[in-house]
Each structure stands twice: as C-alpha cells, then as structure tokens.
Protein backbone atom coordinates (compact mmCIF):
# COMPACT_ATOMS: atom_id res chain seq x y z
CA MET A 1 -44.64 27.62 123.83
CA ALA A 2 -43.17 28.57 120.44
CA ASN A 3 -45.22 25.90 118.64
CA THR A 4 -48.43 26.31 120.61
CA GLY A 5 -51.48 27.11 118.50
CA TRP A 6 -53.86 29.88 119.50
CA ASP A 7 -56.47 27.36 120.58
CA GLU A 8 -54.05 25.32 122.69
CA PHE A 9 -53.34 27.89 125.40
CA GLU A 10 -54.96 27.47 128.79
CA ILE A 11 -57.64 30.01 129.70
CA GLY A 12 -55.93 32.93 131.43
CA ALA A 13 -52.48 32.10 130.03
CA MET A 14 -50.14 35.07 129.91
CA LEU A 15 -48.16 35.55 126.73
CA ARG A 16 -45.09 37.68 127.13
CA SER A 17 -44.21 40.05 124.33
CA PHE A 18 -40.47 39.82 124.91
CA ASP A 19 -37.99 37.16 126.01
CA GLY A 20 -35.71 37.92 128.94
CA SER A 21 -35.63 41.11 130.97
CA VAL A 22 -36.98 44.35 129.56
CA ASN A 23 -35.20 47.45 130.80
CA ASP A 24 -35.72 50.17 128.19
CA ILE A 25 -38.18 48.81 125.65
CA ALA A 26 -39.35 52.29 124.59
CA GLY A 27 -35.75 53.31 123.87
CA THR A 28 -34.95 50.13 121.94
CA LYS A 29 -35.59 50.05 118.20
CA GLN A 30 -38.14 47.47 117.04
CA GLU A 31 -35.58 45.47 115.11
CA ASP A 32 -33.32 45.24 118.20
CA ARG A 33 -35.99 43.93 120.61
CA ALA A 34 -36.01 40.31 121.83
CA TYR A 35 -39.56 39.44 120.74
CA SER A 36 -40.97 36.15 122.02
CA ALA A 37 -42.06 33.49 119.56
CA ASN A 38 -45.69 34.22 120.55
CA ASN A 39 -45.51 37.87 119.55
CA SER A 40 -46.94 38.58 116.12
CA PHE A 41 -43.91 40.80 115.41
CA THR A 42 -42.09 37.56 114.58
CA ALA A 43 -44.70 36.67 111.93
CA SER A 44 -46.51 38.73 109.35
CA VAL A 45 -50.20 39.24 110.04
CA ALA A 46 -50.69 41.69 107.18
CA ASP A 47 -52.79 39.24 105.21
CA TRP A 48 -55.52 39.56 107.87
CA ARG A 49 -56.22 43.12 106.78
CA ILE A 50 -59.17 44.21 104.71
CA LYS A 51 -58.60 47.88 105.55
CA LYS A 52 -55.31 49.63 106.13
CA PRO A 53 -54.27 52.91 107.72
CA ILE A 54 -52.66 55.47 105.45
CA TYR A 55 -50.45 58.10 107.07
CA ASN A 56 -50.41 61.73 105.91
CA LYS A 57 -47.34 63.38 107.44
CA ASP A 58 -48.61 66.87 106.54
CA TYR A 59 -51.23 66.68 109.32
CA CYS A 60 -49.22 64.78 111.96
CA ILE A 61 -48.31 66.64 115.15
CA ASP A 62 -46.14 63.79 116.51
CA CYS A 63 -48.32 63.37 119.58
CA GLN A 64 -47.39 59.64 119.66
CA PHE A 65 -50.95 58.56 120.55
CA CYS A 66 -50.93 56.08 117.64
CA TRP A 67 -47.62 54.62 118.84
CA VAL A 68 -48.82 54.30 122.43
CA TYR A 69 -52.17 52.70 121.59
CA CYS A 70 -51.18 50.42 118.68
CA PRO A 71 -51.81 46.91 119.99
CA ASP A 72 -49.15 45.36 117.77
CA ILE A 73 -46.28 47.86 117.73
CA SER A 74 -46.87 48.68 114.06
CA ILE A 75 -46.24 52.42 114.32
CA ILE A 76 -42.66 53.31 113.41
CA SER A 77 -41.42 56.14 115.59
CA ARG A 78 -37.91 57.43 116.25
CA ASP A 79 -37.01 60.22 118.66
CA LYS A 80 -40.71 60.98 119.24
CA LYS A 81 -41.33 61.50 115.51
CA MET A 82 -43.83 59.41 113.58
CA LEU A 83 -42.11 57.86 110.55
CA GLY A 84 -44.80 55.58 109.20
CA ILE A 85 -46.53 52.23 109.61
CA ASP A 86 -44.98 48.78 109.56
CA MET A 87 -47.44 47.26 107.11
CA GLU A 88 -45.88 43.83 107.52
CA HIS A 89 -47.29 43.67 111.06
CA CYS A 90 -50.32 45.99 110.95
CA LYS A 91 -53.58 44.04 111.32
CA GLY A 92 -55.76 46.95 110.20
CA CYS A 93 -57.61 47.30 113.51
CA GLY A 94 -57.95 51.11 113.16
CA VAL A 95 -56.99 51.98 116.75
CA CYS A 96 -54.36 54.43 115.45
CA VAL A 97 -57.03 56.31 113.47
CA GLU A 98 -59.42 56.43 116.44
CA VAL A 99 -56.84 57.98 118.79
CA CYS A 100 -55.42 60.48 116.27
CA PRO A 101 -56.37 63.97 117.57
CA THR A 102 -55.66 66.06 114.47
CA ASN A 103 -58.36 67.61 112.30
CA PRO A 104 -58.31 66.24 109.71
CA LYS A 105 -56.71 63.10 111.06
CA SER A 106 -53.20 62.26 109.94
CA LEU A 107 -54.21 58.60 109.76
CA LEU A 108 -57.29 57.31 107.94
CA MET A 109 -58.49 53.81 107.08
CA PHE A 110 -58.82 52.77 103.44
CA PRO A 111 -59.48 49.48 101.61
CA GLU A 112 -56.41 47.26 101.48
CA GLN A 113 -56.08 47.77 97.71
CA ALA A 114 -56.12 51.59 97.93
CA ASP A 115 -53.18 53.45 96.44
CA GLU A 116 -51.43 55.56 99.06
CA GLU A 117 -50.50 58.47 96.79
CA THR A 118 -54.03 58.68 95.34
CA GLU A 119 -55.64 58.72 98.78
CA ILE A 120 -53.22 61.33 100.16
CA ALA A 121 -53.96 63.57 97.14
CA GLN A 122 -57.67 63.40 98.04
CA TRP A 123 -57.20 63.86 101.81
CA PRO A 124 -60.00 65.77 103.55
CA SER A 125 -59.43 69.46 104.14
CA LYS A 126 -59.70 71.15 107.51
CA ASP A 127 -63.46 71.69 107.07
CA GLU A 128 -64.47 68.16 106.00
CA GLU A 129 -63.56 64.80 107.50
CA LYS A 130 -63.69 61.36 105.88
C-alpha cells in the first residue's frame, strides 16, 4: 500500500497509522514510532496550510487537549507538558485552537506568513479574545 494514491483505495479501506504491534504509543516519542507509509507523519503536509496555529506558552495549562485531539500528531508533548507544534506535519486544521480551554487561548490561528514573535507580542489579554 506504500505507493497507493489517495484515490486508489477501496471505499471503507482502513489505513493503519503504525506498522506492527502498538503497545505503548502514548509513551513512545514521535521520532521512535513505527509510522506506516500511509501516515502523513512520513511526509510533510505543511504546504497545505494557509493558516497556522501559533502557541503562546504563557497561557498554556498543559491540559493536553490539543495533543489528544490533533488529527495528525502535530502537537509536541513530553511528560504531559506542551512543547510546541511540529510545523512540518501540521495541516492547519485548527482543531487544537478549538479545543484549547484557556482564556485567552494558548493557541490561535494566524495566516501562514505571520511572524510568531510579532503575533505573540500582540496576544489578546484576559478581557479580549481574537
């Protein structure tokens, strides 16, 4: 299946994220996981993005909602601490922003060309929300 195009799969086909058995996937670092050839972790999808999430660690409460709900394992987390976003694999879907419970959110969507430092300097305060 490694060379199968997206439009060549049979309807209802199941694509496995990992090759072989998966015992402790949550405890295994991303770079040590046996990703299948059909998982987008093995290929960059960053050029799909028109918007990107920017992470402001000052507002993060390490709830891990973004990590749990990210459909493409793009949230980098170690020992239940949010470290950042793997922009090489983030598609810009915005799910992480939607599930972020902080006020203001610790993740917000910005145009792909936005400068991270500039946007963090203008982050909404507790009273306003972007």
